[in-house]
Amino acid sequence: MSEPAPQDQRRIGELIATLEALPDLEARDCAKELVQGILELHAAGIDRMLAILADSGESGRPVLEAMARDRTVSALLLLHGVHPHDLAARVLQAVNKLHVELAAQGIRIELLRASEASVRVKLTGRWQGKSFSSAALTLEIEQAIFEFAPDVAAIEIDGMEEINVHPIKFMPASARRDARPSASQTA
C-alpha cells in the first residue's frame, strides 16, 4: 500500500472546510461528532495494537520500530497521540541522520533543544565540498526534522554564518572569459 498523496490530504482539508460552512448547525454538529467518534475508535484500536506489540517483548520491537520509521504510519500514530517515540527522540533521530550527511561536508550538527514550540540546533565546522547556499542548507535541515517531527512549530539554526556557506552565484560566460588572462598576459 502506498503513502497518501498530497491531494488526499488537501481533499480532507476541503471536506472539513465544507463541513464548517454547512448552514445546518444540527447536521454540522452531527457530522463533527461522527468524525470525532471514528477518530477516537481508531485511536483506541491503534493504541491497543501498539500495546500488543509492546507486550510481545523483544520480538515485537522490530515491528514497532519499523512502524515508527514509516512516514505514513508515523503520521497516523502522531495524529492519534500514540507514537512510541517522544518528540525529543524523534528529533534526535533526524539530527543523527543529518549528522551523517553533513559530516561528509565538514559540518557538525548538535541538538540543543527540542519541544513542540521549537527545535534548536547548532552547526559548527567549515563547509567543504560542493557550492551550497545557506537557504538550501536551512531547507535541508528543516525538511529532515519535519519528516521525523511534523508536530514541531519552529526550527532555529545557530551557527549558520560561522560555517562559511556561500550563496551560489551566477557568473555569465562573458565575465568568465573577461577574467581569464590572455595569451599575451601569460607570456
N, C-alpha and C. Protein backbone atom coordinates (compact mmCIF):
# COMPACT_ATOMS: atom_id res chain seq x y z
N MET A 1 0.85 -1.18 0.00
CA MET A 1 0.00 0.00 0.00
C MET A 1 0.89 1.23 0.00
N SER A 2 0.53 2.25 -0.76
CA SER A 2 1.36 3.44 -0.89
C SER A 2 0.96 4.51 0.10
N GLU A 3 1.85 5.52 0.22
CA GLU A 3 1.58 6.66 1.09
C GLU A 3 0.44 7.48 0.53
N PRO A 4 -0.33 8.14 1.41
CA PRO A 4 -1.38 9.01 0.89
C PRO A 4 -0.76 10.17 0.11
N ALA A 5 -1.36 10.47 -1.00
CA ALA A 5 -0.86 11.55 -1.85
C ALA A 5 -1.25 12.89 -1.24
N PRO A 6 -0.46 13.95 -1.54
CA PRO A 6 -0.80 15.28 -1.02
C PRO A 6 -2.22 15.70 -1.38
N GLN A 7 -2.71 15.27 -2.55
CA GLN A 7 -4.07 15.65 -2.93
C GLN A 7 -5.11 15.01 -2.01
N ASP A 8 -4.78 13.83 -1.43
CA ASP A 8 -5.69 13.21 -0.46
C ASP A 8 -5.80 14.08 0.79
N GLN A 9 -4.67 14.59 1.24
CA GLN A 9 -4.66 15.46 2.41
C GLN A 9 -5.38 16.77 2.12
N ARG A 10 -5.17 17.31 0.92
CA ARG A 10 -5.89 18.53 0.53
C ARG A 10 -7.39 18.29 0.51
N ARG A 11 -7.79 17.13 0.00
CA ARG A 11 -9.22 16.81 -0.09
C ARG A 11 -9.83 16.73 1.31
N ILE A 12 -9.13 16.18 2.25
CA ILE A 12 -9.63 16.14 3.63
C ILE A 12 -9.82 17.56 4.14
N GLY A 13 -8.86 18.43 3.87
CA GLY A 13 -8.98 19.83 4.26
C GLY A 13 -10.18 20.51 3.62
N GLU A 14 -10.41 20.20 2.35
CA GLU A 14 -11.56 20.77 1.64
C GLU A 14 -12.87 20.29 2.27
N LEU A 15 -12.93 19.02 2.61
CA LEU A 15 -14.14 18.47 3.22
C LEU A 15 -14.40 19.09 4.59
N ILE A 16 -13.34 19.31 5.35
CA ILE A 16 -13.51 19.96 6.66
C ILE A 16 -14.04 21.38 6.47
N ALA A 17 -13.50 22.11 5.50
CA ALA A 17 -13.97 23.48 5.23
C ALA A 17 -15.44 23.46 4.80
N THR A 18 -15.83 22.49 3.97
CA THR A 18 -17.22 22.36 3.54
C THR A 18 -18.12 22.07 4.73
N LEU A 19 -17.67 21.18 5.60
CA LEU A 19 -18.43 20.85 6.80
C LEU A 19 -18.62 22.08 7.69
N GLU A 20 -17.55 22.85 7.87
CA GLU A 20 -17.62 24.05 8.71
C GLU A 20 -18.58 25.09 8.12
N ALA A 21 -18.75 25.07 6.81
CA ALA A 21 -19.60 26.07 6.15
C ALA A 21 -21.07 25.64 6.06
N LEU A 22 -21.40 24.44 6.49
CA LEU A 22 -22.78 23.99 6.42
C LEU A 22 -23.69 24.93 7.21
N PRO A 23 -24.79 25.36 6.59
CA PRO A 23 -25.70 26.26 7.30
C PRO A 23 -26.53 25.53 8.36
N ASP A 24 -26.70 24.24 8.19
CA ASP A 24 -27.49 23.46 9.13
C ASP A 24 -26.60 23.07 10.32
N LEU A 25 -26.77 23.80 11.44
CA LEU A 25 -25.93 23.59 12.61
C LEU A 25 -26.07 22.17 13.17
N GLU A 26 -27.28 21.63 13.14
CA GLU A 26 -27.50 20.29 13.66
C GLU A 26 -26.75 19.26 12.82
N ALA A 27 -26.81 19.39 11.50
CA ALA A 27 -26.10 18.47 10.61
C ALA A 27 -24.58 18.60 10.81
N ARG A 28 -24.10 19.84 10.94
CA ARG A 28 -22.67 20.08 11.13
C ARG A 28 -22.20 19.45 12.44
N ASP A 29 -22.94 19.67 13.52
CA ASP A 29 -22.57 19.10 14.82
C ASP A 29 -22.61 17.58 14.79
N CYS A 30 -23.60 17.02 14.11
CA CYS A 30 -23.72 15.56 13.99
C CYS A 30 -22.53 14.99 13.22
N ALA A 31 -22.16 15.63 12.12
CA ALA A 31 -21.03 15.17 11.31
C ALA A 31 -19.72 15.26 12.10
N LYS A 32 -19.55 16.35 12.83
CA LYS A 32 -18.35 16.51 13.65
C LYS A 32 -18.28 15.42 14.73
N GLU A 33 -19.41 15.15 15.36
CA GLU A 33 -19.45 14.13 16.40
C GLU A 33 -19.15 12.75 15.81
N LEU A 34 -19.66 12.48 14.61
CA LEU A 34 -19.39 11.22 13.93
C LEU A 34 -17.90 11.07 13.66
N VAL A 35 -17.28 12.11 13.08
CA VAL A 35 -15.85 12.06 12.77
C VAL A 35 -15.04 11.89 14.05
N GLN A 36 -15.39 12.63 15.09
CA GLN A 36 -14.68 12.52 16.37
C GLN A 36 -14.80 11.11 16.93
N GLY A 37 -15.98 10.52 16.84
CA GLY A 37 -16.17 9.15 17.32
C GLY A 37 -15.33 8.15 16.56
N ILE A 38 -15.27 8.31 15.25
CA ILE A 38 -14.45 7.42 14.42
C ILE A 38 -12.97 7.58 14.78
N LEU A 39 -12.52 8.83 14.94
CA LEU A 39 -11.12 9.07 15.31
C LEU A 39 -10.79 8.45 16.68
N GLU A 40 -11.69 8.58 17.62
CA GLU A 40 -11.46 8.00 18.95
C GLU A 40 -11.41 6.48 18.89
N LEU A 41 -12.29 5.88 18.07
CA LEU A 41 -12.26 4.42 17.90
C LEU A 41 -10.94 3.98 17.28
N HIS A 42 -10.51 4.69 16.24
CA HIS A 42 -9.24 4.36 15.60
C HIS A 42 -8.08 4.53 16.58
N ALA A 43 -8.08 5.60 17.35
CA ALA A 43 -7.01 5.84 18.32
C ALA A 43 -6.95 4.71 19.34
N ALA A 44 -8.10 4.29 19.83
CA ALA A 44 -8.14 3.20 20.81
C ALA A 44 -7.62 1.90 20.19
N GLY A 45 -8.01 1.63 18.95
CA GLY A 45 -7.55 0.42 18.26
C GLY A 45 -6.06 0.45 17.99
N ILE A 46 -5.56 1.57 17.54
CA ILE A 46 -4.12 1.69 17.26
C ILE A 46 -3.33 1.58 18.56
N ASP A 47 -3.82 2.22 19.61
CA ASP A 47 -3.16 2.15 20.91
C ASP A 47 -3.10 0.70 21.39
N ARG A 48 -4.18 -0.03 21.19
CA ARG A 48 -4.23 -1.44 21.60
C ARG A 48 -3.24 -2.27 20.78
N MET A 49 -3.14 -2.01 19.47
CA MET A 49 -2.18 -2.73 18.63
C MET A 49 -0.75 -2.50 19.12
N LEU A 50 -0.45 -1.25 19.47
CA LEU A 50 0.88 -0.94 19.98
C LEU A 50 1.14 -1.64 21.31
N ALA A 51 0.11 -1.72 22.15
CA ALA A 51 0.26 -2.42 23.43
C ALA A 51 0.53 -3.91 23.21
N ILE A 52 -0.17 -4.50 22.25
CA ILE A 52 0.06 -5.92 21.95
C ILE A 52 1.49 -6.13 21.47
N LEU A 53 1.97 -5.24 20.61
CA LEU A 53 3.36 -5.35 20.15
C LEU A 53 4.33 -5.19 21.32
N ALA A 54 4.08 -4.22 22.16
CA ALA A 54 4.96 -4.00 23.32
C ALA A 54 4.93 -5.20 24.26
N ASP A 55 3.76 -5.80 24.44
CA ASP A 55 3.64 -6.97 25.32
C ASP A 55 4.34 -8.20 24.77
N SER A 56 4.61 -8.20 23.47
CA SER A 56 5.28 -9.36 22.87
C SER A 56 6.78 -9.34 23.12
N GLY A 57 7.26 -8.32 23.81
CA GLY A 57 8.67 -8.26 24.19
C GLY A 57 9.57 -7.91 23.03
N GLU A 58 10.76 -8.46 23.08
CA GLU A 58 11.78 -8.13 22.07
C GLU A 58 11.37 -8.55 20.66
N SER A 59 10.53 -9.57 20.53
CA SER A 59 10.12 -10.00 19.19
C SER A 59 9.23 -8.95 18.52
N GLY A 60 8.52 -8.15 19.30
CA GLY A 60 7.68 -7.10 18.73
C GLY A 60 8.42 -5.80 18.47
N ARG A 61 9.60 -5.63 19.07
CA ARG A 61 10.37 -4.40 18.96
C ARG A 61 10.70 -4.03 17.51
N PRO A 62 11.18 -4.95 16.67
CA PRO A 62 11.49 -4.57 15.28
C PRO A 62 10.25 -4.08 14.50
N VAL A 63 9.11 -4.70 14.76
CA VAL A 63 7.87 -4.28 14.08
C VAL A 63 7.48 -2.89 14.54
N LEU A 64 7.56 -2.65 15.84
CA LEU A 64 7.23 -1.34 16.40
C LEU A 64 8.16 -0.26 15.83
N GLU A 65 9.44 -0.56 15.74
CA GLU A 65 10.41 0.40 15.19
C GLU A 65 10.16 0.64 13.70
N ALA A 66 9.81 -0.40 12.97
CA ALA A 66 9.50 -0.24 11.54
C ALA A 66 8.27 0.64 11.37
N MET A 67 7.29 0.46 12.22
CA MET A 67 6.09 1.30 12.15
C MET A 67 6.43 2.76 12.47
N ALA A 68 7.28 2.97 13.45
CA ALA A 68 7.66 4.32 13.83
C ALA A 68 8.46 5.01 12.73
N ARG A 69 9.23 4.24 11.93
CA ARG A 69 10.03 4.81 10.84
C ARG A 69 9.22 5.07 9.58
N ASP A 70 8.12 4.36 9.40
CA ASP A 70 7.29 4.53 8.20
C ASP A 70 6.59 5.88 8.26
N ARG A 71 6.75 6.70 7.22
CA ARG A 71 6.21 8.06 7.24
C ARG A 71 4.69 8.09 7.43
N THR A 72 3.99 7.23 6.73
CA THR A 72 2.53 7.23 6.81
C THR A 72 2.06 6.74 8.18
N VAL A 73 2.62 5.63 8.63
CA VAL A 73 2.22 5.08 9.92
C VAL A 73 2.62 6.03 11.04
N SER A 74 3.81 6.59 10.94
CA SER A 74 4.27 7.53 11.96
C SER A 74 3.33 8.73 12.06
N ALA A 75 2.90 9.25 10.91
CA ALA A 75 1.96 10.39 10.91
C ALA A 75 0.64 10.00 11.56
N LEU A 76 0.17 8.80 11.29
CA LEU A 76 -1.07 8.31 11.89
C LEU A 76 -0.92 8.16 13.41
N LEU A 77 0.21 7.63 13.85
CA LEU A 77 0.45 7.48 15.28
C LEU A 77 0.52 8.85 15.97
N LEU A 78 1.14 9.81 15.29
CA LEU A 78 1.19 11.17 15.84
C LEU A 78 -0.19 11.80 15.91
N LEU A 79 -0.98 11.62 14.86
CA LEU A 79 -2.33 12.17 14.82
C LEU A 79 -3.15 11.70 16.02
N HIS A 80 -2.97 10.45 16.38
CA HIS A 80 -3.74 9.88 17.48
C HIS A 80 -3.04 9.96 18.83
N GLY A 81 -1.86 10.57 18.85
CA GLY A 81 -1.16 10.75 20.11
C GLY A 81 -0.61 9.48 20.72
N VAL A 82 -0.28 8.49 19.88
CA VAL A 82 0.20 7.21 20.41
C VAL A 82 1.55 6.80 19.81
N HIS A 83 2.29 7.75 19.29
CA HIS A 83 3.60 7.43 18.71
C HIS A 83 4.50 6.86 19.80
N PRO A 84 5.22 5.76 19.50
CA PRO A 84 6.04 5.14 20.54
C PRO A 84 7.26 5.97 20.96
N HIS A 85 7.65 6.94 20.15
CA HIS A 85 8.81 7.78 20.48
C HIS A 85 8.34 9.19 20.81
N ASP A 86 8.90 9.75 21.87
CA ASP A 86 8.54 11.12 22.21
C ASP A 86 9.21 12.09 21.23
N LEU A 87 8.82 13.33 21.29
CA LEU A 87 9.31 14.34 20.36
C LEU A 87 10.83 14.43 20.38
N ALA A 88 11.43 14.47 21.55
CA ALA A 88 12.88 14.60 21.64
C ALA A 88 13.59 13.45 20.95
N ALA A 89 13.08 12.24 21.10
CA ALA A 89 13.70 11.07 20.46
C ALA A 89 13.58 11.14 18.94
N ARG A 90 12.42 11.60 18.47
CA ARG A 90 12.23 11.70 17.02
C ARG A 90 13.12 12.79 16.42
N VAL A 91 13.25 13.91 17.12
CA VAL A 91 14.13 14.98 16.63
C VAL A 91 15.57 14.50 16.65
N LEU A 92 15.96 13.78 17.68
CA LEU A 92 17.32 13.26 17.75
C LEU A 92 17.60 12.31 16.59
N GLN A 93 16.61 11.51 16.19
CA GLN A 93 16.77 10.64 15.02
C GLN A 93 17.07 11.48 13.78
N ALA A 94 16.34 12.56 13.61
CA ALA A 94 16.56 13.44 12.45
C ALA A 94 17.95 14.06 12.50
N VAL A 95 18.36 14.52 13.66
CA VAL A 95 19.68 15.14 13.80
C VAL A 95 20.78 14.11 13.53
N ASN A 96 20.60 12.88 14.01
CA ASN A 96 21.59 11.83 13.75
C ASN A 96 21.69 11.53 12.26
N LYS A 97 20.57 11.52 11.58
CA LYS A 97 20.58 11.31 10.13
C LYS A 97 21.30 12.46 9.45
N LEU A 98 21.00 13.69 9.86
CA LEU A 98 21.67 14.86 9.30
C LEU A 98 23.17 14.84 9.61
N HIS A 99 23.52 14.38 10.81
CA HIS A 99 24.93 14.35 11.21
C HIS A 99 25.76 13.55 10.20
N VAL A 100 25.24 12.41 9.81
CA VAL A 100 25.95 11.56 8.85
C VAL A 100 26.12 12.29 7.51
N GLU A 101 25.04 12.91 7.05
CA GLU A 101 25.07 13.60 5.75
C GLU A 101 25.97 14.84 5.80
N LEU A 102 25.88 15.62 6.86
CA LEU A 102 26.64 16.87 6.94
C LEU A 102 28.10 16.65 7.30
N ALA A 103 28.41 15.59 8.04
CA ALA A 103 29.80 15.33 8.43
C ALA A 103 30.69 15.15 7.21
N ALA A 104 30.14 14.57 6.15
CA ALA A 104 30.91 14.40 4.91
C ALA A 104 31.29 15.74 4.29
N GLN A 105 30.57 16.79 4.66
CA GLN A 105 30.85 18.14 4.14
C GLN A 105 31.60 19.00 5.16
N GLY A 106 32.04 18.40 6.27
CA GLY A 106 32.81 19.14 7.27
C GLY A 106 31.96 19.87 8.30
N ILE A 107 30.68 19.57 8.36
CA ILE A 107 29.77 20.26 9.28
C ILE A 107 29.31 19.30 10.38
N ARG A 108 29.27 19.81 11.58
CA ARG A 108 28.74 19.06 12.72
C ARG A 108 27.42 19.72 13.13
N ILE A 109 26.41 18.91 13.42
CA ILE A 109 25.12 19.43 13.88
C ILE A 109 24.85 18.85 15.26
N GLU A 110 24.39 19.71 16.14
CA GLU A 110 24.13 19.31 17.52
C GLU A 110 22.72 19.77 17.91
N LEU A 111 21.99 18.90 18.58
CA LEU A 111 20.66 19.24 19.07
C LEU A 111 20.81 19.98 20.40
N LEU A 112 20.30 21.20 20.47
CA LEU A 112 20.36 21.99 21.70
C LEU A 112 19.08 21.89 22.51
N ARG A 113 17.92 21.86 21.80
CA ARG A 113 16.63 21.85 22.49
C ARG A 113 15.57 21.28 21.55
N ALA A 114 14.64 20.53 22.13
CA ALA A 114 13.52 20.00 21.35
C ALA A 114 12.24 20.09 22.17
N SER A 115 11.29 20.86 21.66
CA SER A 115 9.96 20.93 22.26
C SER A 115 8.98 21.17 21.12
N GLU A 116 7.69 21.04 21.40
CA GLU A 116 6.71 21.30 20.35
C GLU A 116 6.78 22.73 19.85
N ALA A 117 7.15 23.65 20.75
CA ALA A 117 7.25 25.06 20.36
C ALA A 117 8.39 25.29 19.39
N SER A 118 9.55 24.68 19.63
CA SER A 118 10.67 24.86 18.71
C SER A 118 11.76 23.84 18.95
N VAL A 119 12.51 23.63 17.89
CA VAL A 119 13.72 22.81 17.94
C VAL A 119 14.87 23.76 17.65
N ARG A 120 15.94 23.65 18.42
CA ARG A 120 17.12 24.49 18.19
C ARG A 120 18.32 23.56 17.98
N VAL A 121 19.01 23.76 16.85
CA VAL A 121 20.22 23.00 16.55
C VAL A 121 21.36 23.99 16.35
N LYS A 122 22.57 23.48 16.48
CA LYS A 122 23.76 24.32 16.29
C LYS A 122 24.67 23.64 15.27
N LEU A 123 25.16 24.44 14.34
CA LEU A 123 26.10 23.97 13.33
C LEU A 123 27.49 24.48 13.68
N THR A 124 28.50 23.62 13.51
CA THR A 124 29.89 24.02 13.68
C THR A 124 30.70 23.38 12.57
N GLY A 125 31.91 23.89 12.37
CA GLY A 125 32.81 23.36 11.35
C GLY A 125 32.94 24.32 10.19
N ARG A 126 33.53 23.85 9.14
CA ARG A 126 33.72 24.62 7.91
C ARG A 126 33.21 23.81 6.75
N TRP A 127 32.36 24.44 5.92
CA TRP A 127 31.79 23.76 4.77
C TRP A 127 32.88 23.38 3.79
N GLN A 128 32.91 22.11 3.41
CA GLN A 128 33.88 21.61 2.43
C GLN A 128 33.08 20.87 1.37
N GLY A 129 33.36 21.13 0.15
CA GLY A 129 32.65 20.40 -0.90
C GLY A 129 31.91 21.32 -1.84
N LYS A 130 30.84 20.79 -2.39
CA LYS A 130 30.10 21.49 -3.43
C LYS A 130 29.55 22.82 -2.93
N SER A 131 29.33 23.73 -3.87
CA SER A 131 28.72 25.01 -3.53
C SER A 131 27.31 24.77 -3.02
N PHE A 132 26.93 25.50 -2.01
CA PHE A 132 25.65 25.30 -1.37
C PHE A 132 25.24 26.62 -0.74
N SER A 133 24.00 26.98 -0.86
CA SER A 133 23.56 28.23 -0.24
C SER A 133 23.08 27.95 1.17
N SER A 134 23.12 28.97 2.02
CA SER A 134 22.62 28.80 3.38
C SER A 134 21.12 28.52 3.35
N ALA A 135 20.40 29.09 2.38
CA ALA A 135 18.96 28.83 2.27
C ALA A 135 18.71 27.35 1.94
N ALA A 136 19.53 26.78 1.06
CA ALA A 136 19.36 25.36 0.71
C ALA A 136 19.70 24.47 1.89
N LEU A 137 20.74 24.83 2.64
CA LEU A 137 21.11 24.04 3.82
C LEU A 137 20.02 24.14 4.89
N THR A 138 19.49 25.33 5.09
CA THR A 138 18.40 25.53 6.06
C THR A 138 17.21 24.66 5.67
N LEU A 139 16.84 24.67 4.40
CA LEU A 139 15.72 23.87 3.92
C LEU A 139 15.97 22.38 4.14
N GLU A 140 17.17 21.93 3.87
CA GLU A 140 17.52 20.52 4.07
C GLU A 140 17.36 20.12 5.54
N ILE A 141 17.83 20.96 6.44
CA ILE A 141 17.73 20.69 7.87
C ILE A 141 16.27 20.69 8.31
N GLU A 142 15.51 21.70 7.88
CA GLU A 142 14.10 21.78 8.25
C GLU A 142 13.32 20.58 7.74
N GLN A 143 13.54 20.19 6.49
CA GLN A 143 12.81 19.05 5.92
C GLN A 143 13.11 17.77 6.69
N ALA A 144 14.38 17.57 7.05
CA ALA A 144 14.75 16.35 7.77
C ALA A 144 14.08 16.31 9.15
N ILE A 145 14.06 17.44 9.84
CA ILE A 145 13.45 17.47 11.17
C ILE A 145 11.94 17.32 11.07
N PHE A 146 11.30 18.03 10.14
CA PHE A 146 9.85 17.92 9.99
C PHE A 146 9.43 16.53 9.54
N GLU A 147 10.29 15.81 8.82
CA GLU A 147 9.96 14.44 8.41
C GLU A 147 9.78 13.55 9.64
N PHE A 148 10.65 13.72 10.64
CA PHE A 148 10.57 12.91 11.86
C PHE A 148 9.64 13.52 12.91
N ALA A 149 9.49 14.84 12.87
CA ALA A 149 8.71 15.52 13.91
C ALA A 149 7.84 16.62 13.30
N PRO A 150 6.78 16.23 12.57
CA PRO A 150 5.93 17.24 11.95
C PRO A 150 5.15 18.09 12.95
N ASP A 151 5.18 17.68 14.21
CA ASP A 151 4.46 18.40 15.25
C ASP A 151 5.26 19.55 15.85
N VAL A 152 6.45 19.81 15.34
CA VAL A 152 7.28 20.94 15.80
C VAL A 152 6.79 22.21 15.11
N ALA A 153 6.67 23.28 15.88
CA ALA A 153 6.17 24.55 15.32
C ALA A 153 7.25 25.34 14.60
N ALA A 154 8.49 25.33 15.10
CA ALA A 154 9.55 26.15 14.50
C ALA A 154 10.90 25.48 14.69
N ILE A 155 11.82 25.81 13.79
CA ILE A 155 13.19 25.28 13.87
C ILE A 155 14.14 26.46 13.83
N GLU A 156 15.04 26.49 14.81
CA GLU A 156 16.06 27.54 14.90
C GLU A 156 17.42 26.91 14.66
N ILE A 157 18.23 27.57 13.83
CA ILE A 157 19.55 27.04 13.48
C ILE A 157 20.60 28.07 13.88
N ASP A 158 21.44 27.71 14.86
CA ASP A 158 22.54 28.57 15.28
C ASP A 158 23.80 28.20 14.50
N GLY A 159 24.64 29.18 14.24
CA GLY A 159 25.95 28.92 13.66
C GLY A 159 26.00 28.87 12.15
N MET A 160 24.91 29.19 11.48
CA MET A 160 24.90 29.12 10.00
C MET A 160 25.97 30.05 9.42
N GLU A 161 26.13 31.22 9.99
CA GLU A 161 27.10 32.20 9.45
C GLU A 161 28.53 31.71 9.62
N GLU A 162 28.82 31.00 10.70
CA GLU A 162 30.19 30.59 11.00
C GLU A 162 30.70 29.42 10.16
N ILE A 163 29.81 28.68 9.52
CA ILE A 163 30.27 27.51 8.78
C ILE A 163 30.70 27.85 7.36
N ASN A 164 30.57 29.13 7.01
CA ASN A 164 31.08 29.63 5.73
C ASN A 164 30.35 29.02 4.54
N VAL A 165 29.05 28.97 4.63
CA VAL A 165 28.24 28.53 3.49
C VAL A 165 28.03 29.75 2.61
N HIS A 166 28.45 29.65 1.38
CA HIS A 166 28.35 30.78 0.47
C HIS A 166 27.19 30.59 -0.49
N PRO A 167 26.51 31.67 -0.81
CA PRO A 167 25.44 31.54 -1.80
C PRO A 167 26.02 31.19 -3.17
N ILE A 168 25.26 30.41 -3.89
CA ILE A 168 25.66 30.07 -5.25
C ILE A 168 25.47 31.32 -6.10
N LYS A 169 26.51 31.70 -6.81
CA LYS A 169 26.45 32.93 -7.60
C LYS A 169 26.51 32.58 -9.08
N PHE A 170 25.69 33.26 -9.84
CA PHE A 170 25.68 33.09 -11.29
C PHE A 170 26.71 34.04 -11.88
N MET A 171 27.55 33.49 -12.73
CA MET A 171 28.54 34.32 -13.41
C MET A 171 28.39 34.06 -14.90
N PRO A 172 28.01 35.10 -15.66
CA PRO A 172 27.84 34.89 -17.10
C PRO A 172 29.14 34.43 -17.75
N ALA A 173 29.01 33.66 -18.82
CA ALA A 173 30.19 33.15 -19.54
C ALA A 173 31.08 34.29 -19.99
N SER A 174 30.51 35.42 -20.42
CA SER A 174 31.32 36.55 -20.88
C SER A 174 32.20 37.08 -19.75
N ALA A 175 31.71 37.06 -18.53
CA ALA A 175 32.50 37.54 -17.40
C ALA A 175 33.65 36.58 -17.11
N ARG A 176 33.40 35.28 -17.30
CA ARG A 176 34.47 34.30 -17.08
C ARG A 176 35.55 34.47 -18.14
N ARG A 177 35.15 34.74 -19.39
CA ARG A 177 36.14 34.95 -20.46
C ARG A 177 36.97 36.20 -20.18
N ASP A 178 36.30 37.24 -19.72
CA ASP A 178 37.00 38.51 -19.43
C ASP A 178 37.96 38.35 -18.27
N ALA A 179 37.69 37.45 -17.37
CA ALA A 179 38.51 37.29 -16.18
C ALA A 179 39.75 36.43 -16.46
N ARG A 180 39.75 35.66 -17.56
CA ARG A 180 40.91 34.82 -17.91
C ARG A 180 42.03 35.68 -18.49
N PRO A 181 43.26 35.36 -18.10
CA PRO A 181 44.36 36.11 -18.71
C PRO A 181 44.50 35.72 -20.18
N SER A 182 44.80 36.69 -21.00
CA SER A 182 45.01 36.42 -22.43
C SER A 182 46.38 35.81 -22.64
N ALA A 183 46.60 35.28 -23.83
CA ALA A 183 47.87 34.64 -24.14
C ALA A 183 49.03 35.63 -23.96
N SER A 184 48.83 36.91 -24.31
CA SER A 184 49.89 37.90 -24.18
C SER A 184 50.17 38.23 -22.72
N GLN A 185 49.15 38.07 -21.84
CA GLN A 185 49.34 38.37 -20.41
C GLN A 185 50.10 37.24 -19.71
N THR A 186 49.97 36.02 -20.22
CA THR A 186 50.61 34.88 -19.55
C THR A 186 52.04 34.68 -20.05
N ALA A 187 52.40 35.28 -21.15
CA ALA A 187 53.74 35.07 -21.71
C ALA A 187 54.78 35.95 -21.09
